[in-house]
N, C-alpha and C. Protein backbone atom coordinates (compact mmCIF):
# COMPACT_ATOMS: atom_id res chain seq x y z
N MET A 1 -6.66 6.72 1.32
CA MET A 1 -7.80 5.87 1.63
C MET A 1 -8.26 5.10 0.39
N ALA A 2 -8.33 5.78 -0.75
CA ALA A 2 -8.79 5.13 -1.97
C ALA A 2 -7.84 4.01 -2.39
N ILE A 3 -6.57 4.19 -2.08
CA ILE A 3 -5.58 3.16 -2.43
C ILE A 3 -5.88 1.88 -1.67
N TYR A 4 -6.19 2.00 -0.40
CA TYR A 4 -6.48 0.82 0.40
C TYR A 4 -7.79 0.15 -0.01
N VAL A 5 -8.75 0.94 -0.43
CA VAL A 5 -10.02 0.36 -0.92
C VAL A 5 -9.77 -0.43 -2.19
N MET A 6 -9.00 0.17 -3.12
CA MET A 6 -8.71 -0.54 -4.36
C MET A 6 -7.93 -1.82 -4.10
N LEU A 7 -6.95 -1.77 -3.19
CA LEU A 7 -6.19 -2.98 -2.87
C LEU A 7 -7.09 -4.03 -2.23
N ALA A 8 -8.03 -3.60 -1.42
CA ALA A 8 -8.95 -4.56 -0.82
C ALA A 8 -9.82 -5.22 -1.89
N ILE A 9 -10.28 -4.44 -2.85
CA ILE A 9 -11.10 -5.00 -3.93
C ILE A 9 -10.29 -5.97 -4.76
N TRP A 10 -9.07 -5.56 -5.16
CA TRP A 10 -8.22 -6.46 -5.96
C TRP A 10 -7.94 -7.74 -5.18
N SER A 11 -7.71 -7.62 -3.87
CA SER A 11 -7.40 -8.81 -3.06
C SER A 11 -8.62 -9.72 -2.93
N LEU A 12 -9.80 -9.14 -2.78
CA LEU A 12 -11.01 -9.96 -2.70
C LEU A 12 -11.29 -10.68 -4.01
N LEU A 13 -10.91 -10.07 -5.10
CA LEU A 13 -11.10 -10.72 -6.40
C LEU A 13 -10.16 -11.91 -6.59
N LEU A 14 -9.15 -12.02 -5.75
CA LEU A 14 -8.25 -13.18 -5.83
C LEU A 14 -8.95 -14.47 -5.42
N ILE A 15 -10.00 -14.37 -4.60
CA ILE A 15 -10.68 -15.57 -4.12
C ILE A 15 -11.36 -16.32 -5.27
N PRO A 16 -12.24 -15.66 -6.05
CA PRO A 16 -12.81 -16.41 -7.19
C PRO A 16 -11.78 -16.64 -8.30
N TRP A 17 -10.74 -15.81 -8.34
CA TRP A 17 -9.70 -15.99 -9.35
C TRP A 17 -9.07 -17.38 -9.25
N MET A 18 -8.88 -17.87 -8.02
CA MET A 18 -8.22 -19.17 -7.85
C MET A 18 -8.99 -20.28 -8.56
N PHE A 19 -10.30 -20.27 -8.45
CA PHE A 19 -11.12 -21.29 -9.11
C PHE A 19 -10.98 -21.20 -10.62
N PHE A 20 -11.14 -20.00 -11.16
CA PHE A 20 -11.09 -19.83 -12.61
C PHE A 20 -9.69 -20.06 -13.17
N ALA A 21 -8.68 -19.70 -12.40
CA ALA A 21 -7.31 -19.90 -12.87
C ALA A 21 -6.97 -21.38 -12.96
N LEU A 22 -7.35 -22.13 -11.95
CA LEU A 22 -7.06 -23.56 -11.98
C LEU A 22 -7.87 -24.26 -13.06
N LEU A 23 -9.11 -23.87 -13.21
CA LEU A 23 -9.95 -24.46 -14.24
C LEU A 23 -9.47 -24.05 -15.63
N GLY A 24 -9.13 -22.79 -15.79
CA GLY A 24 -8.67 -22.29 -17.07
C GLY A 24 -7.34 -22.85 -17.50
N THR A 25 -6.47 -23.13 -16.52
CA THR A 25 -5.17 -23.70 -16.84
C THR A 25 -5.34 -25.08 -17.44
N GLY A 26 -6.26 -25.84 -16.93
CA GLY A 26 -6.50 -27.17 -17.49
C GLY A 26 -7.16 -27.12 -18.86
N MET A 27 -8.04 -26.15 -19.05
CA MET A 27 -8.77 -26.07 -20.31
C MET A 27 -8.00 -25.37 -21.42
N ALA A 28 -6.98 -24.60 -21.07
CA ALA A 28 -6.28 -23.81 -22.08
C ALA A 28 -5.59 -24.68 -23.12
N PHE A 29 -5.12 -25.83 -22.71
CA PHE A 29 -4.35 -26.67 -23.62
C PHE A 29 -5.14 -27.83 -24.21
N GLU A 30 -6.47 -27.78 -24.09
CA GLU A 30 -7.29 -28.83 -24.69
C GLU A 30 -7.18 -28.83 -26.21
N GLY A 31 -6.96 -27.67 -26.80
CA GLY A 31 -6.83 -27.57 -28.25
C GLY A 31 -5.40 -27.72 -28.72
N GLY A 32 -4.50 -28.06 -27.83
CA GLY A 32 -3.10 -28.21 -28.18
C GLY A 32 -2.29 -27.04 -27.63
N LYS A 33 -0.99 -27.16 -27.79
CA LYS A 33 -0.09 -26.11 -27.30
C LYS A 33 0.02 -25.02 -28.37
N THR A 34 -0.89 -24.07 -28.28
CA THR A 34 -0.93 -22.99 -29.24
C THR A 34 -0.49 -21.69 -28.58
N VAL A 35 -0.24 -20.70 -29.40
CA VAL A 35 0.14 -19.38 -28.88
C VAL A 35 -1.02 -18.80 -28.07
N ASP A 36 -2.25 -19.04 -28.52
CA ASP A 36 -3.41 -18.54 -27.78
C ASP A 36 -3.48 -19.11 -26.37
N ALA A 37 -3.14 -20.37 -26.23
CA ALA A 37 -3.16 -20.99 -24.91
C ALA A 37 -2.13 -20.34 -23.99
N TYR A 38 -0.96 -20.05 -24.53
CA TYR A 38 0.06 -19.41 -23.71
C TYR A 38 -0.30 -17.97 -23.39
N TYR A 39 -0.91 -17.23 -24.31
CA TYR A 39 -1.40 -15.88 -24.01
C TYR A 39 -2.43 -15.93 -22.90
N PHE A 40 -3.34 -16.90 -22.99
CA PHE A 40 -4.37 -17.04 -21.97
C PHE A 40 -3.74 -17.32 -20.60
N LEU A 41 -2.79 -18.23 -20.56
CA LEU A 41 -2.14 -18.53 -19.28
C LEU A 41 -1.41 -17.33 -18.72
N PHE A 42 -0.71 -16.61 -19.58
CA PHE A 42 0.00 -15.42 -19.10
C PHE A 42 -0.98 -14.40 -18.55
N THR A 43 -2.11 -14.22 -19.21
CA THR A 43 -3.12 -13.28 -18.75
C THR A 43 -3.67 -13.70 -17.39
N ILE A 44 -4.00 -14.96 -17.25
CA ILE A 44 -4.60 -15.44 -16.00
C ILE A 44 -3.60 -15.41 -14.85
N TRP A 45 -2.41 -15.90 -15.08
CA TRP A 45 -1.44 -16.02 -14.00
C TRP A 45 -0.70 -14.72 -13.70
N SER A 46 -0.86 -13.70 -14.52
CA SER A 46 -0.22 -12.42 -14.21
C SER A 46 -1.03 -11.62 -13.19
N TYR A 47 -2.32 -11.92 -13.05
CA TYR A 47 -3.16 -11.14 -12.13
C TYR A 47 -2.64 -11.13 -10.69
N PRO A 48 -2.32 -12.27 -10.07
CA PRO A 48 -1.83 -12.19 -8.69
C PRO A 48 -0.47 -11.50 -8.59
N CYS A 49 0.33 -11.58 -9.64
CA CYS A 49 1.62 -10.86 -9.64
C CYS A 49 1.39 -9.36 -9.65
N PHE A 50 0.41 -8.91 -10.42
CA PHE A 50 0.09 -7.49 -10.45
C PHE A 50 -0.48 -7.02 -9.12
N VAL A 51 -1.29 -7.85 -8.48
CA VAL A 51 -1.84 -7.49 -7.16
C VAL A 51 -0.71 -7.39 -6.14
N ALA A 52 0.23 -8.32 -6.18
CA ALA A 52 1.37 -8.28 -5.25
C ALA A 52 2.22 -7.05 -5.51
N ALA A 53 2.46 -6.71 -6.76
CA ALA A 53 3.26 -5.53 -7.08
C ALA A 53 2.55 -4.26 -6.61
N ALA A 54 1.25 -4.19 -6.80
CA ALA A 54 0.48 -3.03 -6.34
C ALA A 54 0.55 -2.91 -4.83
N PHE A 55 0.50 -4.03 -4.14
CA PHE A 55 0.58 -4.01 -2.68
C PHE A 55 1.98 -3.58 -2.22
N LEU A 56 3.01 -4.07 -2.87
CA LEU A 56 4.38 -3.75 -2.45
C LEU A 56 4.74 -2.29 -2.71
N PHE A 57 4.25 -1.72 -3.82
CA PHE A 57 4.62 -0.36 -4.19
C PHE A 57 3.57 0.68 -3.84
N ARG A 58 2.61 0.34 -3.00
CA ARG A 58 1.49 1.23 -2.71
C ARG A 58 1.92 2.52 -2.03
N ARG A 59 2.99 2.50 -1.25
CA ARG A 59 3.41 3.70 -0.52
C ARG A 59 4.32 4.60 -1.36
N ARG A 60 5.26 4.02 -2.06
CA ARG A 60 6.19 4.82 -2.85
C ARG A 60 5.57 5.32 -4.15
N HIS A 61 4.77 4.48 -4.76
CA HIS A 61 4.14 4.82 -6.04
C HIS A 61 2.65 4.46 -5.95
N PRO A 62 1.84 5.35 -5.42
CA PRO A 62 0.41 5.03 -5.20
C PRO A 62 -0.36 4.70 -6.48
N LYS A 63 0.09 5.18 -7.62
CA LYS A 63 -0.64 4.92 -8.86
C LYS A 63 -0.50 3.48 -9.32
N THR A 64 0.38 2.72 -8.71
CA THR A 64 0.51 1.31 -9.09
C THR A 64 -0.70 0.49 -8.63
N VAL A 65 -1.60 1.10 -7.91
CA VAL A 65 -2.79 0.38 -7.46
C VAL A 65 -3.67 -0.02 -8.66
N ILE A 66 -3.51 0.65 -9.79
CA ILE A 66 -4.28 0.29 -10.96
C ILE A 66 -3.60 -0.81 -11.77
N LEU A 67 -2.45 -1.26 -11.34
CA LEU A 67 -1.69 -2.28 -12.07
C LEU A 67 -2.46 -3.58 -12.29
N PRO A 68 -3.24 -4.09 -11.34
CA PRO A 68 -4.01 -5.31 -11.62
C PRO A 68 -5.01 -5.16 -12.76
N GLY A 69 -5.43 -3.96 -13.05
CA GLY A 69 -6.31 -3.75 -14.19
C GLY A 69 -5.63 -4.05 -15.51
N LEU A 70 -4.30 -4.06 -15.49
CA LEU A 70 -3.55 -4.41 -16.69
C LEU A 70 -3.82 -5.84 -17.13
N SER A 71 -4.17 -6.68 -16.19
CA SER A 71 -4.53 -8.06 -16.53
C SER A 71 -5.76 -8.09 -17.43
N GLY A 72 -6.70 -7.22 -17.19
CA GLY A 72 -7.87 -7.13 -18.06
C GLY A 72 -7.49 -6.64 -19.45
N LEU A 73 -6.55 -5.71 -19.52
CA LEU A 73 -6.08 -5.24 -20.82
C LEU A 73 -5.34 -6.35 -21.57
N LEU A 74 -4.65 -7.19 -20.84
CA LEU A 74 -3.98 -8.32 -21.47
C LEU A 74 -5.01 -9.28 -22.07
N ALA A 75 -6.14 -9.43 -21.40
CA ALA A 75 -7.20 -10.30 -21.93
C ALA A 75 -7.76 -9.73 -23.22
N VAL A 76 -7.92 -8.42 -23.29
CA VAL A 76 -8.41 -7.79 -24.51
C VAL A 76 -7.38 -7.96 -25.63
N PHE A 77 -6.11 -7.78 -25.29
CA PHE A 77 -5.03 -7.97 -26.26
C PHE A 77 -5.01 -9.40 -26.78
N GLU A 78 -5.16 -10.35 -25.87
CA GLU A 78 -5.16 -11.76 -26.25
C GLU A 78 -6.30 -12.07 -27.20
N ASN A 79 -7.46 -11.49 -26.93
CA ASN A 79 -8.62 -11.70 -27.79
C ASN A 79 -8.38 -11.10 -29.17
N ALA A 80 -7.77 -9.92 -29.22
CA ALA A 80 -7.48 -9.27 -30.51
C ALA A 80 -6.47 -10.09 -31.31
N VAL A 81 -5.47 -10.64 -30.65
CA VAL A 81 -4.48 -11.47 -31.34
C VAL A 81 -5.14 -12.73 -31.86
N HIS A 82 -6.03 -13.30 -31.08
CA HIS A 82 -6.73 -14.52 -31.52
C HIS A 82 -7.56 -14.25 -32.76
N LYS A 83 -8.28 -13.14 -32.77
CA LYS A 83 -9.11 -12.81 -33.93
C LYS A 83 -8.25 -12.50 -35.17
N ALA A 84 -7.10 -11.88 -34.93
CA ALA A 84 -6.24 -11.54 -36.07
C ALA A 84 -5.57 -12.75 -36.68
N THR A 85 -5.29 -13.77 -35.88
CA THR A 85 -4.57 -14.93 -36.38
C THR A 85 -5.49 -16.05 -36.85
N SER A 86 -6.75 -16.03 -36.42
CA SER A 86 -7.66 -17.10 -36.87
C SER A 86 -8.23 -16.73 -38.24
N HIS A 87 -8.46 -17.72 -39.00
CA HIS A 87 -8.92 -17.50 -40.39
C HIS A 87 -10.40 -17.72 -40.49
């Protein structure tokens, strides 16, 4: 039951994600084609892939339901890389 609740939450979060992803994709490259822009894009566009993977593997591997949370960890990683590389 908890697996289906988590999948429902991740799926509902896809609705506002579309707005921010399209907006963020356009804004990511305003400063030029930098590594930070590509990290940001990978973080944003990996979220629906993680949701799809969690949905596909929900029966065989129930713990994959936490996979979309990895997108948030990617955002933290991207922020840490940005701080480490900026002077």
